[in-house]
C-alpha atoms as a PDB file:
ATOM      1  CA  MET A   1     -66.496 -76.531  58.988  1.00  0.00           C
ATOM      2  CA  PRO A   2     -64.889 -73.300  57.723  1.00  0.00           C
ATOM      3  CA  ASP A   3     -67.090 -70.503  56.391  1.00  0.00           C
ATOM      4  CA  THR A   4     -66.698 -70.618  52.603  1.00  0.00           C
ATOM      5  CA  SER A   5     -68.931 -67.645  51.804  1.00  0.00           C
ATOM      6  CA  PRO A   6     -67.517 -64.980  49.440  1.00  0.00           C
ATOM      7  CA  ARG A   7     -67.397 -62.481  52.343  1.00  0.00           C
ATOM      8  CA  ALA A   8     -65.350 -64.855  54.503  1.00  0.00           C
ATOM      9  CA  ALA A   9     -62.981 -65.574  51.606  1.00  0.00           C
ATOM     10  CA  ARG A  10     -62.142 -61.860  51.360  1.00  0.00           C
ATOM     11  CA  ARG A  11     -61.495 -61.356  55.076  1.00  0.00           C
ATOM     12  CA  PRO A  12     -57.865 -61.683  56.127  1.00  0.00           C
ATOM     13  CA  VAL A  13     -56.987 -64.298  58.727  1.00  0.00           C
ATOM     14  CA  GLN A  14     -57.117 -62.837  62.246  1.00  0.00           C
ATOM     15  CA  VAL A  15     -54.649 -64.073  64.871  1.00  0.00           C
ATOM     16  CA  LEU A  16     -54.087 -63.367  68.533  1.00  0.00           C
ATOM     17  CA  LEU A  17     -50.365 -63.692  69.274  1.00  0.00           C
ATOM     18  CA  GLY A  18     -49.804 -64.518  72.933  1.00  0.00           C
ATOM     19  CA  GLY A  19     -46.931 -65.351  75.173  1.00  0.00           C
ATOM     20  CA  PRO A  20     -45.262 -64.382  78.421  1.00  0.00           C
ATOM     21  CA  ILE A  21     -45.238 -60.719  79.304  1.00  0.00           C
ATOM     22  CA  LYS A  22     -44.634 -60.308  83.039  1.00  0.00           C
ATOM     23  CA  ALA A  23     -42.065 -63.134  83.090  1.00  0.00           C
ATOM     24  CA  GLY A  24     -40.330 -61.464  80.148  1.00  0.00           C
ATOM     25  CA  PHE A  25     -39.047 -58.822  82.517  1.00  0.00           C
ATOM     26  CA  GLY A  26     -37.000 -61.273  84.560  1.00  0.00           C
ATOM     27  CA  HIS A  27     -35.404 -59.700  87.567  1.00  0.00           C
ATOM     28  CA  GLY A  28     -36.580 -56.107  87.254  1.00  0.00           C
ATOM     29  CA  THR A  29     -34.766 -55.454  83.988  1.00  0.00           C
ATOM     30  CA  GLY A  30     -36.249 -54.467  80.642  1.00  0.00           C
ATOM     31  CA  PHE A  31     -38.154 -56.963  78.526  1.00  0.00           C
ATOM     32  CA  ASP A  32     -36.077 -59.989  77.483  1.00  0.00           C
ATOM     33  CA  ALA A  33     -34.329 -58.932  74.246  1.00  0.00           C
ATOM     34  CA  ARG A  34     -34.365 -62.422  72.662  1.00  0.00           C
ATOM     35  CA  LEU A  35     -38.075 -62.890  73.331  1.00  0.00           C
ATOM     36  CA  ARG A  36     -38.881 -59.407  72.054  1.00  0.00           C
ATOM     37  CA  LEU A  37     -36.893 -59.998  68.870  1.00  0.00           C
ATOM     38  CA  SER A  38     -38.826 -63.230  68.281  1.00  0.00           C
ATOM     39  CA  ILE A  39     -42.181 -61.505  68.810  1.00  0.00           C
ATOM     40  CA  ASP A  40     -41.244 -58.520  66.640  1.00  0.00           C
ATOM     41  CA  HIS A  41     -40.043 -60.823  63.852  1.00  0.00           C
ATOM     42  CA  LEU A  42     -43.268 -62.846  63.999  1.00  0.00           C
ATOM     43  CA  LEU A  43     -45.431 -59.698  63.994  1.00  0.00           C
ATOM     44  CA  THR A  44     -43.589 -58.255  60.991  1.00  0.00           C
ATOM     45  CA  GLY A  45     -43.395 -61.503  59.028  1.00  0.00           C
ATOM     46  CA  LEU A  46     -46.991 -62.571  59.615  1.00  0.00           C
ATOM     47  CA  ARG A  47     -48.291 -59.129  58.693  1.00  0.00           C
ATOM     48  CA  ALA A  48     -46.207 -59.209  55.508  1.00  0.00           C
ATOM     49  CA  SER A  49     -48.045 -62.452  54.691  1.00  0.00           C
ATOM     50  CA  GLY A  50     -51.415 -60.741  55.097  1.00  0.00           C
ATOM     51  CA  VAL A  51     -52.291 -61.945  58.591  1.00  0.00           C
ATOM     52  CA  VAL A  52     -54.043 -59.457  60.891  1.00  0.00           C
ATOM     53  CA  ILE A  53     -52.543 -59.752  64.368  1.00  0.00           C
ATOM     54  CA  GLN A  54     -53.492 -58.556  67.823  1.00  0.00           C
ATOM     55  CA  SER A  55     -50.746 -58.619  70.446  1.00  0.00           C
ATOM     56  CA  ALA A  56     -50.774 -57.439  74.047  1.00  0.00           C
ATOM     57  CA  HIS A  57     -46.970 -57.192  73.856  1.00  0.00           C
ATOM     58  CA  GLU A  58     -47.280 -54.644  71.076  1.00  0.00           C
ATOM     59  CA  ALA A  59     -50.345 -52.866  72.502  1.00  0.00           C
ATOM     60  CA  GLU A  60     -48.545 -52.379  75.812  1.00  0.00           C
ATOM     61  CA  GLY A  61     -45.268 -51.371  74.169  1.00  0.00           C
ATOM     62  CA  PHE A  62     -43.384 -54.297  75.729  1.00  0.00           C
ATOM     63  CA  SER A  63     -43.793 -52.419  79.015  1.00  0.00           C
ATOM     64  CA  ARG A  64     -45.094 -53.324  82.428  1.00  0.00           C
ATOM     65  CA  LEU A  65     -48.628 -52.240  83.181  1.00  0.00           C
ATOM     66  CA  PRO A  66     -48.483 -49.343  85.620  1.00  0.00           C
ATOM     67  CA  GLU A  67     -49.760 -49.827  89.157  1.00  0.00           C
ATOM     68  CA  GLY A  68     -53.428 -49.006  89.256  1.00  0.00           C
ATOM     69  CA  ALA A  69     -53.906 -49.914  85.576  1.00  0.00           C
ATOM     70  CA  ALA A  70     -57.350 -51.152  84.634  1.00  0.00           C
ATOM     71  CA  HIS A  71     -56.540 -54.842  84.774  1.00  0.00           C
ATOM     72  CA  ALA A  72     -60.164 -55.739  84.037  1.00  0.00           C
ATOM     73  CA  ALA A  73     -59.887 -53.779  80.786  1.00  0.00           C
ATOM     74  CA  VAL A  74     -56.824 -55.827  79.773  1.00  0.00           C
ATOM     75  CA  VAL A  75     -58.680 -59.093  80.414  1.00  0.00           C
ATOM     76  CA  GLN A  76     -61.713 -57.844  78.481  1.00  0.00           C
ATOM     77  CA  ARG A  77     -59.533 -56.648  75.588  1.00  0.00           C
ATOM     78  CA  ASP A  78     -57.641 -59.925  75.330  1.00  0.00           C
ATOM     79  CA  HIS A  79     -60.863 -61.939  75.561  1.00  0.00           C
ATOM     80  CA  ARG A  80     -62.420 -59.823  72.782  1.00  0.00           C
ATOM     81  CA  TRP A  81     -59.309 -60.339  70.635  1.00  0.00           C
ATOM     82  CA  LEU A  82     -59.453 -64.084  71.252  1.00  0.00           C
ATOM     83  CA  THR A  83     -63.167 -64.232  70.493  1.00  0.00           C
ATOM     84  CA  ASP A  84     -62.626 -62.376  67.212  1.00  0.00           C
ATOM     85  CA  CYS A  85     -59.592 -64.369  66.046  1.00  0.00           C
ATOM     86  CA  ASP A  86     -59.419 -67.294  63.653  1.00  0.00           C
ATOM     87  CA  ALA A  87     -56.383 -68.811  65.374  1.00  0.00           C
ATOM     88  CA  TYR A  88     -54.398 -68.369  68.557  1.00  0.00           C
ATOM     89  CA  VAL A  89     -50.616 -68.488  68.249  1.00  0.00           C
ATOM     90  CA  CYS A  90     -48.679 -68.510  71.499  1.00  0.00           C
ATOM     91  CA  LEU A  91     -44.993 -68.451  72.243  1.00  0.00           C
ATOM     92  CA  LEU A  92     -43.920 -70.870  74.946  1.00  0.00           C
ATOM     93  CA  PRO A  93     -40.156 -70.319  75.061  1.00  0.00           C
ATOM     94  CA  LEU A  94     -37.707 -71.714  77.564  1.00  0.00           C
ATOM     95  CA  ARG A  95     -35.378 -69.689  79.750  1.00  0.00           C
ATOM     96  CA  ASP A  96     -32.547 -71.542  81.461  1.00  0.00           C
ATOM     97  CA  GLY A  97     -34.176 -74.863  80.567  1.00  0.00           C
ATOM     98  CA  THR A  98     -37.563 -73.968  82.085  1.00  0.00           C
ATOM     99  CA  ILE A  99     -40.694 -72.655  80.434  1.00  0.00           C
ATOM    100  CA  TYR A 100     -41.417 -68.991  81.127  1.00  0.00           C
ATOM    101  CA  PRO A 101     -44.312 -68.919  83.565  1.00  0.00           C
ATOM    102  CA  SER A 102     -47.348 -67.208  82.022  1.00  0.00           C
ATOM    103  CA  ILE A 103     -50.753 -67.574  83.598  1.00  0.00           C
ATOM    104  CA  GLY A 104     -52.222 -65.217  80.983  1.00  0.00           C
ATOM    105  CA  THR A 105     -50.997 -67.399  78.120  1.00  0.00           C
ATOM    106  CA  GLY A 106     -52.443 -70.453  79.876  1.00  0.00           C
ATOM    107  CA  VAL A 107     -55.811 -68.729  80.270  1.00  0.00           C
ATOM    108  CA  GLU A 108     -55.844 -67.671  76.606  1.00  0.00           C
ATOM    109  CA  LEU A 109     -54.925 -71.210  75.576  1.00  0.00           C
ATOM    110  CA  GLY A 110     -57.856 -72.468  77.651  1.00  0.00           C
ATOM    111  CA  TRP A 111     -60.235 -69.915  76.134  1.00  0.00           C
ATOM    112  CA  ALA A 112     -59.119 -70.883  72.619  1.00  0.00           C
ATOM    113  CA  THR A 113     -59.516 -74.630  73.126  1.00  0.00           C
ATOM    114  CA  ALA A 114     -62.892 -74.164  74.830  1.00  0.00           C
ATOM    115  CA  ARG A 115     -64.119 -72.122  71.864  1.00  0.00           C
ATOM    116  CA  GLY A 116     -62.721 -74.566  69.285  1.00  0.00           C
ATOM    117  CA  ILE A 117     -60.235 -72.001  67.942  1.00  0.00           C
ATOM    118  CA  PRO A 118     -57.162 -73.592  66.357  1.00  0.00           C
ATOM    119  CA  VAL A 119     -54.018 -73.134  68.443  1.00  0.00           C
ATOM    120  CA  ILE A 120     -50.442 -73.154  67.256  1.00  0.00           C
ATOM    121  CA  ALA A 121     -48.151 -73.309  70.259  1.00  0.00           C
ATOM    122  CA  LEU A 122     -44.599 -72.289  69.455  1.00  0.00           C
ATOM    123  CA  VAL A 123     -42.291 -74.433  71.570  1.00  0.00           C
ATOM    124  CA  GLU A 124     -38.668 -75.475  71.564  1.00  0.00           C
ATOM    125  CA  VAL A 125     -39.133 -78.864  69.920  1.00  0.00           C
ATOM    126  CA  ALA A 126     -35.548 -79.961  70.650  1.00  0.00           C
ATOM    127  CA  HIS A 127     -36.454 -79.744  74.359  1.00  0.00           C
ATOM    128  CA  LEU A 128     -40.033 -80.995  74.109  1.00  0.00           C
ATOM    129  CA  THR A 129     -39.667 -83.261  77.151  1.00  0.00           C
ATOM    130  CA  VAL A 130     -39.267 -80.143  79.334  1.00  0.00           C
ATOM    131  CA  TYR A 131     -42.870 -79.187  78.541  1.00  0.00           C
ATOM    132  CA  SER A 132     -45.649 -80.709  80.612  1.00  0.00           C
ATOM    133  CA  PRO A 133     -47.299 -83.924  79.461  1.00  0.00           C
ATOM    134  CA  PHE A 134     -50.584 -81.983  79.594  1.00  0.00           C
ATOM    135  CA  LEU A 135     -49.408 -79.419  77.044  1.00  0.00           C
ATOM    136  CA  ARG A 136     -47.889 -82.137  74.854  1.00  0.00           C
ATOM    137  CA  GLY A 137     -51.189 -84.056  74.991  1.00  0.00           C
ATOM    138  CA  LEU A 138     -53.585 -81.179  74.198  1.00  0.00           C
ATOM    139  CA  GLY A 139     -53.572 -82.070  70.510  1.00  0.00           C
ATOM    140  CA  SER A 140     -55.211 -85.414  71.316  1.00  0.00           C
ATOM    141  CA  MET A 141     -58.459 -83.623  72.258  1.00  0.00           C
ATOM    142  CA  PHE A 142     -58.234 -80.145  70.761  1.00  0.00           C
ATOM    143  CA  ASP A 143     -57.023 -78.437  67.603  1.00  0.00           C
ATOM    144  CA  VAL A 144     -53.591 -77.718  69.090  1.00  0.00           C
ATOM    145  CA  THR A 145     -50.385 -78.034  67.088  1.00  0.00           C
ATOM    146  CA  LEU A 146     -46.930 -77.784  68.651  1.00  0.00           C
ATOM    147  CA  THR A 147     -44.569 -76.047  66.228  1.00  0.00           C
ATOM    148  CA  ASP A 148     -40.902 -75.223  66.623  1.00  0.00           C
ATOM    149  CA  LEU A 149     -40.459 -71.647  67.813  1.00  0.00           C
ATOM    150  CA  ASP A 150     -37.101 -71.078  66.114  1.00  0.00           C
ATOM    151  CA  GLU A 151     -38.411 -72.392  62.780  1.00  0.00           C
ATOM    152  CA  ALA A 152     -41.482 -70.131  62.999  1.00  0.00           C
ATOM    153  CA  VAL A 153     -39.330 -67.079  63.753  1.00  0.00           C
ATOM    154  CA  ALA A 154     -36.973 -67.965  60.888  1.00  0.00           C
ATOM    155  CA  ASP A 155     -39.879 -68.498  58.468  1.00  0.00           C
ATOM    156  CA  PRO A 156     -42.980 -66.458  59.391  1.00  0.00           C
ATOM    157  CA  ALA A 157     -44.413 -67.062  55.898  1.00  0.00           C
ATOM    158  CA  GLY A 158     -44.309 -70.797  56.624  1.00  0.00           C
ATOM    159  CA  LEU A 159     -46.084 -70.125  59.916  1.00  0.00           C
ATOM    160  CA  ALA A 160     -48.693 -68.088  58.006  1.00  0.00           C
ATOM    161  CA  ASP A 161     -49.233 -71.124  55.747  1.00  0.00           C
ATOM    162  CA  ALA A 162     -49.655 -73.336  58.827  1.00  0.00           C
ATOM    163  CA  ILE A 163     -52.174 -70.886  60.274  1.00  0.00           C
ATOM    164  CA  ALA A 164     -54.070 -70.846  56.979  1.00  0.00           C
ATOM    165  CA  ALA A 165     -54.151 -74.644  56.927  1.00  0.00           C
ATOM    166  CA  ALA A 166     -55.380 -74.727  60.529  1.00  0.00           C
ATOM    167  CA  VAL A 167     -58.252 -72.342  59.809  1.00  0.00           C
ATOM    168  CA  GLY A 168     -58.996 -73.764  56.370  1.00  0.00           C
ATOM    169  CA  THR A 169     -58.571 -70.563  54.409  1.00  0.00           C
ATOM    170  CA  PRO A 170     -55.753 -69.145  52.298  1.00  0.00           C
ATOM    171  CA  VAL A 171     -53.799 -66.206  53.656  1.00  0.00           C
ATOM    172  CA  ARG A 172     -53.967 -63.360  51.178  1.00  0.00           C
ATOM    173  CA  THR A 173     -50.535 -61.893  50.539  1.00  0.00           C
ATOM    174  CA  ARG A 174     -50.528 -58.130  50.615  1.00  0.00           C
ATOM    175  CA  SER A 175     -49.733 -56.446  47.358  1.00  0.00           C
ATOM    176  CA  THR A 176     -46.595 -54.353  47.356  1.00  0.00           C
ATOM    177  CA  GLY A 177     -47.660 -52.119  44.504  1.00  0.00           C
END
């Protein structure tokens, strides 16, 4: 049951936005431009709707972690973000008809479902049969909703409404004045 205390009502919705990072670099090139544009658009649009977002993509500047980086610190950071969030939103895009491989996204998805955190997985609904039966069936046991990635990118405010519905609290729109 959602916390309906006055303090909770004033706190903005917190989201961890996940998705492929390492696979986004493809064959040694820079980060996939289409995927980055989608992530940037979601970050901007959700924040404009009053959602507080954590994103490893953004924190790492859409860059590869350097050799010798404190990988344990990245895992601890992402776990802390997940533990503190109200919802986990993950991008699960396709590239050449196949889902981007992302062990990190899979781990975060597992952490979220184990903790009972609502998950909105952004997938390419028109190609839903490409996704594993396991992913497609998660909603039968856990609070996991599959939402169209392109629709979410085109309408981040609508995604913010879906997040708010999933966590049972309204998203407060930031004032512009």
